[in-house]
PDB file of all heavy atoms in Angstrom:
ATOM      1  N   SER A   1      12.073   4.689   3.118  1.00  0.00           N
ATOM      2  CA  SER A   1      10.920   5.339   3.582  1.00  0.00           C
ATOM      3  C   SER A   1      10.136   5.983   2.400  1.00  0.00           C
ATOM      4  O   SER A   1       8.903   6.137   2.493  1.00  0.00           O
ATOM      5  CB  SER A   1      11.368   6.450   4.548  1.00  0.00           C
ATOM      6  OG  SER A   1      12.241   7.359   3.861  1.00  0.00           O
ATOM      7  N   LYS A   2      10.786   6.309   1.342  1.00  0.00           N
ATOM      8  CA  LYS A   2      10.081   6.851   0.146  1.00  0.00           C
ATOM      9  C   LYS A   2       9.093   5.800  -0.325  1.00  0.00           C
ATOM     10  O   LYS A   2       7.932   6.160  -0.591  1.00  0.00           O
ATOM     11  CB  LYS A   2      11.100   7.159  -0.960  1.00  0.00           C
ATOM     12  CG  LYS A   2      10.429   7.535  -2.266  1.00  0.00           C
ATOM     13  CD  LYS A   2      11.386   7.490  -3.430  1.00  0.00           C
ATOM     14  CE  LYS A   2      12.383   8.590  -3.398  1.00  0.00           C
ATOM     15  NZ  LYS A   2      13.198   8.620  -4.668  1.00  0.00           N
ATOM     16  N   TYR A   3       9.495   4.581  -0.473  1.00  0.00           N
ATOM     17  CA  TYR A   3       8.650   3.549  -1.030  1.00  0.00           C
ATOM     18  C   TYR A   3       7.524   3.154  -0.115  1.00  0.00           C
ATOM     19  O   TYR A   3       6.441   2.818  -0.548  1.00  0.00           O
ATOM     20  CB  TYR A   3       9.478   2.380  -1.526  1.00  0.00           C
ATOM     21  CG  TYR A   3      10.555   2.822  -2.460  1.00  0.00           C
ATOM     22  CD1 TYR A   3      11.925   2.603  -2.121  1.00  0.00           C
ATOM     23  CD2 TYR A   3      10.326   3.468  -3.648  1.00  0.00           C
ATOM     24  CE1 TYR A   3      12.939   3.003  -2.976  1.00  0.00           C
ATOM     25  CE2 TYR A   3      11.348   3.854  -4.482  1.00  0.00           C
ATOM     26  CZ  TYR A   3      12.622   3.691  -4.190  1.00  0.00           C
ATOM     27  OH  TYR A   3      13.704   4.132  -4.979  1.00  0.00           O
ATOM     28  N   LEU A   4       7.871   3.083   1.177  1.00  0.00           N
ATOM     29  CA  LEU A   4       6.786   2.791   2.174  1.00  0.00           C
ATOM     30  C   LEU A   4       5.766   3.865   2.202  1.00  0.00           C
ATOM     31  O   LEU A   4       4.563   3.577   2.205  1.00  0.00           O
ATOM     32  CB  LEU A   4       7.455   2.638   3.541  1.00  0.00           C
ATOM     33  CG  LEU A   4       6.596   2.404   4.742  1.00  0.00           C
ATOM     34  CD1 LEU A   4       5.636   1.259   4.511  1.00  0.00           C
ATOM     35  CD2 LEU A   4       7.382   2.160   5.991  1.00  0.00           C
ATOM     36  N   ALA A   5       6.135   5.107   2.093  1.00  0.00           N
ATOM     37  CA  ALA A   5       5.177   6.233   2.112  1.00  0.00           C
ATOM     38  C   ALA A   5       4.310   6.193   0.867  1.00  0.00           C
ATOM     39  O   ALA A   5       3.115   6.477   0.985  1.00  0.00           O
ATOM     40  CB  ALA A   5       5.918   7.550   2.223  1.00  0.00           C
ATOM     41  N   LEU A   6       4.890   5.896  -0.261  1.00  0.00           N
ATOM     42  CA  LEU A   6       4.094   5.815  -1.503  1.00  0.00           C
ATOM     43  C   LEU A   6       3.018   4.732  -1.382  1.00  0.00           C
ATOM     44  O   LEU A   6       1.829   4.911  -1.844  1.00  0.00           O
ATOM     45  CB  LEU A   6       4.959   5.544  -2.686  1.00  0.00           C
ATOM     46  CG  LEU A   6       5.814   6.741  -3.164  1.00  0.00           C
ATOM     47  CD1 LEU A   6       6.915   6.278  -4.169  1.00  0.00           C
ATOM     48  CD2 LEU A   6       4.977   7.856  -3.734  1.00  0.00           C
ATOM     49  N   GLN A   7       3.342   3.617  -0.740  1.00  0.00           N
ATOM     50  CA  GLN A   7       2.299   2.558  -0.604  1.00  0.00           C
ATOM     51  C   GLN A   7       1.202   3.000   0.342  1.00  0.00           C
ATOM     52  O   GLN A   7       0.068   2.749   0.093  1.00  0.00           O
ATOM     53  CB  GLN A   7       2.980   1.299  -0.024  1.00  0.00           C
ATOM     54  CG  GLN A   7       3.977   0.615  -0.994  1.00  0.00           C
ATOM     55  CD  GLN A   7       4.809  -0.478  -0.324  1.00  0.00           C
ATOM     56  OE1 GLN A   7       4.375  -1.606  -0.247  1.00  0.00           O
ATOM     57  NE2 GLN A   7       5.927  -0.065   0.149  1.00  0.00           N
ATOM     58  N   ILE A   8       1.558   3.620   1.479  1.00  0.00           N
ATOM     59  CA  ILE A   8       0.517   4.071   2.380  1.00  0.00           C
ATOM     60  C   ILE A   8      -0.373   5.139   1.738  1.00  0.00           C
ATOM     61  O   ILE A   8      -1.636   5.085   1.902  1.00  0.00           O
ATOM     62  CB  ILE A   8       1.218   4.620   3.672  1.00  0.00           C
ATOM     63  CG1 ILE A   8       1.822   3.445   4.417  1.00  0.00           C
ATOM     64  CG2 ILE A   8       0.148   5.289   4.558  1.00  0.00           C
ATOM     65  CD1 ILE A   8       2.633   3.885   5.725  1.00  0.00           C
ATOM     66  N   LYS A   9       0.267   6.050   0.957  1.00  0.00           N
ATOM     67  CA  LYS A   9      -0.560   7.038   0.257  1.00  0.00           C
ATOM     68  C   LYS A   9      -1.472   6.370  -0.774  1.00  0.00           C
ATOM     69  O   LYS A   9      -2.693   6.714  -0.865  1.00  0.00           O
ATOM     70  CB  LYS A   9       0.394   8.006  -0.462  1.00  0.00           C
ATOM     71  CG  LYS A   9      -0.356   9.092  -1.220  1.00  0.00           C
ATOM     72  CD  LYS A   9      -1.119  10.065  -0.323  1.00  0.00           C
ATOM     73  CE  LYS A   9      -1.744  11.205  -1.094  1.00  0.00           C
ATOM     74  NZ  LYS A   9      -2.425  12.187  -0.233  1.00  0.00           N
ATOM     75  N   ALA A  10      -0.959   5.341  -1.426  1.00  0.00           N
ATOM     76  CA  ALA A  10      -1.844   4.648  -2.420  1.00  0.00           C
ATOM     77  C   ALA A  10      -2.956   3.938  -1.691  1.00  0.00           C
ATOM     78  O   ALA A  10      -4.124   3.851  -2.228  1.00  0.00           O
ATOM     79  CB  ALA A  10      -1.000   3.619  -3.208  1.00  0.00           C
ATOM     80  N   CYS A  11      -2.721   3.381  -0.550  1.00  0.00           N
ATOM     81  CA  CYS A  11      -3.815   2.776   0.262  1.00  0.00           C
ATOM     82  C   CYS A  11      -4.834   3.848   0.650  1.00  0.00           C
ATOM     83  O   CYS A  11      -6.100   3.647   0.533  1.00  0.00           O
ATOM     84  CB  CYS A  11      -3.217   2.133   1.534  1.00  0.00           C
ATOM     85  SG  CYS A  11      -2.281   0.654   1.273  1.00  0.00           S
ATOM     86  N   GLU A  12      -4.390   5.001   0.995  1.00  0.00           N
ATOM     87  CA  GLU A  12      -5.273   6.069   1.407  1.00  0.00           C
ATOM     88  C   GLU A  12      -6.123   6.531   0.245  1.00  0.00           C
ATOM     89  O   GLU A  12      -7.256   6.974   0.370  1.00  0.00           O
ATOM     90  CB  GLU A  12      -4.545   7.264   1.994  1.00  0.00           C
ATOM     91  CG  GLU A  12      -3.925   7.065   3.357  1.00  0.00           C
ATOM     92  CD  GLU A  12      -4.995   6.900   4.454  1.00  0.00           C
ATOM     93  OE1 GLU A  12      -5.542   7.919   4.879  1.00  0.00           O
ATOM     94  OE2 GLU A  12      -5.323   5.735   4.777  1.00  0.00           O
ATOM     95  N   LEU A  13      -5.542   6.472  -0.957  1.00  0.00           N
ATOM     96  CA  LEU A  13      -6.292   6.850  -2.155  1.00  0.00           C
ATOM     97  C   LEU A  13      -7.203   5.736  -2.661  1.00  0.00           C
ATOM     98  O   LEU A  13      -8.029   5.931  -3.624  1.00  0.00           O
ATOM     99  CB  LEU A  13      -5.329   7.220  -3.321  1.00  0.00           C
ATOM    100  CG  LEU A  13      -4.494   8.469  -3.025  1.00  0.00           C
ATOM    101  CD1 LEU A  13      -3.380   8.586  -4.066  1.00  0.00           C
ATOM    102  CD2 LEU A  13      -5.362   9.708  -3.044  1.00  0.00           C
ATOM    103  N   GLY A  14      -7.108   4.551  -2.111  1.00  0.00           N
ATOM    104  CA  GLY A  14      -7.917   3.452  -2.536  1.00  0.00           C
ATOM    105  C   GLY A  14      -7.340   2.692  -3.796  1.00  0.00           C
ATOM    106  O   GLY A  14      -7.954   1.924  -4.429  1.00  0.00           O
ATOM    107  N   TRP A  15      -6.085   3.005  -4.069  1.00  0.00           N
ATOM    108  CA  TRP A  15      -5.432   2.432  -5.248  1.00  0.00           C
ATOM    109  C   TRP A  15      -4.828   1.061  -4.931  1.00  0.00           C
ATOM    110  O   TRP A  15      -4.445   0.327  -5.809  1.00  0.00           O
ATOM    111  CB  TRP A  15      -4.286   3.339  -5.767  1.00  0.00           C
ATOM    112  CG  TRP A  15      -4.716   4.649  -6.318  1.00  0.00           C
ATOM    113  CD1 TRP A  15      -6.015   5.145  -6.290  1.00  0.00           C
ATOM    114  CD2 TRP A  15      -3.939   5.706  -6.871  1.00  0.00           C
ATOM    115  NE1 TRP A  15      -5.984   6.377  -6.902  1.00  0.00           N
ATOM    116  CE2 TRP A  15      -4.712   6.698  -7.252  1.00  0.00           C
ATOM    117  CE3 TRP A  15      -2.568   5.731  -7.172  1.00  0.00           C
ATOM    118  CZ2 TRP A  15      -4.288   7.869  -7.866  1.00  0.00           C
ATOM    119  CZ3 TRP A  15      -2.059   6.859  -7.835  1.00  0.00           C
ATOM    120  CH2 TRP A  15      -2.922   7.941  -8.150  1.00  0.00           C
ATOM    121  N   LEU A  16      -4.657   0.727  -3.618  1.00  0.00           N
ATOM    122  CA  LEU A  16      -3.905  -0.396  -3.202  1.00  0.00           C
ATOM    123  C   LEU A  16      -4.543  -1.013  -2.015  1.00  0.00           C
ATOM    124  O   LEU A  16      -4.864  -0.286  -1.037  1.00  0.00           O
ATOM    125  CB  LEU A  16      -2.464   0.013  -2.905  1.00  0.00           C
ATOM    126  CG  LEU A  16      -1.407  -1.069  -2.599  1.00  0.00           C
ATOM    127  CD1 LEU A  16      -1.171  -1.940  -3.826  1.00  0.00           C
ATOM    128  CD2 LEU A  16      -0.134  -0.387  -2.171  1.00  0.00           C
ATOM    129  N   PRO A  17      -4.811  -2.365  -1.969  1.00  0.00           N
ATOM    130  CA  PRO A  17      -5.296  -2.986  -0.730  1.00  0.00           C
ATOM    131  C   PRO A  17      -4.261  -2.847   0.390  1.00  0.00           C
ATOM    132  O   PRO A  17      -3.062  -2.725   0.163  1.00  0.00           O
ATOM    133  CB  PRO A  17      -5.469  -4.438  -1.138  1.00  0.00           C
ATOM    134  CG  PRO A  17      -5.557  -4.420  -2.581  1.00  0.00           C
ATOM    135  CD  PRO A  17      -4.617  -3.290  -3.087  1.00  0.00           C
ATOM    136  N   ARG A  18      -4.751  -2.841   1.657  1.00  0.00           N
ATOM    137  CA  ARG A  18      -3.859  -2.640   2.776  1.00  0.00           C
ATOM    138  C   ARG A  18      -3.008  -3.864   3.166  1.00  0.00           C
ATOM    139  O   ARG A  18      -2.141  -3.803   3.976  1.00  0.00           O
ATOM    140  CB  ARG A  18      -4.615  -2.134   4.000  1.00  0.00           C
ATOM    141  CG  ARG A  18      -5.202  -0.747   3.792  1.00  0.00           C
ATOM    142  CD  ARG A  18      -5.761  -0.239   5.069  1.00  0.00           C
ATOM    143  NE  ARG A  18      -6.443   1.009   4.740  1.00  0.00           N
ATOM    144  CZ  ARG A  18      -7.648   1.303   5.273  1.00  0.00           C
ATOM    145  NH1 ARG A  18      -8.247   0.512   6.100  1.00  0.00           N
ATOM    146  NH2 ARG A  18      -8.268   2.495   4.908  1.00  0.00           N
ATOM    147  N   ALA A  19      -3.293  -5.034   2.511  1.00  0.00           N
ATOM    148  CA  ALA A  19      -2.478  -6.229   2.793  1.00  0.00           C
ATOM    149  C   ALA A  19      -2.109  -6.807   1.494  1.00  0.00           C
ATOM    150  O   ALA A  19      -2.788  -6.651   0.476  1.00  0.00           O
ATOM    151  CB  ALA A  19      -3.249  -7.181   3.660  1.00  0.00           C
ATOM    152  N   ASP A  20      -0.977  -7.464   1.419  1.00  0.00           N
ATOM    153  CA  ASP A  20      -0.458  -8.076   0.216  1.00  0.00           C
ATOM    154  C   ASP A  20      -1.052  -9.484   0.114  1.00  0.00           C
ATOM    155  O   ASP A  20      -0.839 -10.371   0.970  1.00  0.00           O
ATOM    156  CB  ASP A  20       1.075  -8.185   0.308  1.00  0.00           C
ATOM    157  CG  ASP A  20       1.682  -8.700  -0.999  1.00  0.00           C
ATOM    158  OD1 ASP A  20       0.981  -8.740  -2.007  1.00  0.00           O
ATOM    159  OD2 ASP A  20       2.848  -9.123  -0.969  1.00  0.00           O
ATOM    160  N   ALA A  21      -1.800  -9.657  -0.928  1.00  0.00           N
ATOM    161  CA  ALA A  21      -2.491 -10.976  -1.121  1.00  0.00           C
ATOM    162  C   ALA A  21      -1.510 -12.106  -1.200  1.00  0.00           C
ATOM    163  O   ALA A  21      -1.779 -13.209  -0.657  1.00  0.00           O
ATOM    164  CB  ALA A  21      -3.333 -10.956  -2.394  1.00  0.00           C
ATOM    165  N   ALA A  22      -0.375 -11.904  -1.806  1.00  0.00           N
ATOM    166  CA  ALA A  22       0.577 -12.994  -2.001  1.00  0.00           C
ATOM    167  C   ALA A  22       1.115 -13.407  -0.610  1.00  0.00           C
ATOM    168  O   ALA A  22       1.265 -14.575  -0.284  1.00  0.00           O
ATOM    169  CB  ALA A  22       1.737 -12.621  -2.882  1.00  0.00           C
ATOM    170  N   SER A  23       1.461 -12.448   0.198  1.00  0.00           N
ATOM    171  CA  SER A  23       2.009 -12.739   1.501  1.00  0.00           C
ATOM    172  C   SER A  23       0.933 -13.295   2.409  1.00  0.00           C
ATOM    173  O   SER A  23       1.173 -14.029   3.330  1.00  0.00           O
ATOM    174  CB  SER A  23       2.650 -11.491   2.169  1.00  0.00           C
ATOM    175  OG  SER A  23       1.749 -10.457   2.293  1.00  0.00           O
ATOM    176  N   ASP A  24      -0.325 -12.912   2.222  1.00  0.00           N
ATOM    177  CA  ASP A  24      -1.489 -13.438   2.943  1.00  0.00           C
ATOM    178  C   ASP A  24      -1.568 -14.983   2.720  1.00  0.00           C
ATOM    179  O   ASP A  24      -1.871 -15.733   3.649  1.00  0.00           O
ATOM    180  CB  ASP A  24      -2.758 -12.721   2.589  1.00  0.00           C
ATOM    181  CG  ASP A  24      -3.919 -13.192   3.380  1.00  0.00           C
ATOM    182  OD1 ASP A  24      -3.681 -13.440   4.623  1.00  0.00           O
ATOM    183  OD2 ASP A  24      -5.019 -13.368   2.817  1.00  0.00           O
TER     184      ASP A  24
END
């Protein structure tokens, strides 16, 4: 949950796209 939360926070900050390009 720690790592999932960090990703969502990064998305909220605009640091990270909301989908993974490689998995896309």
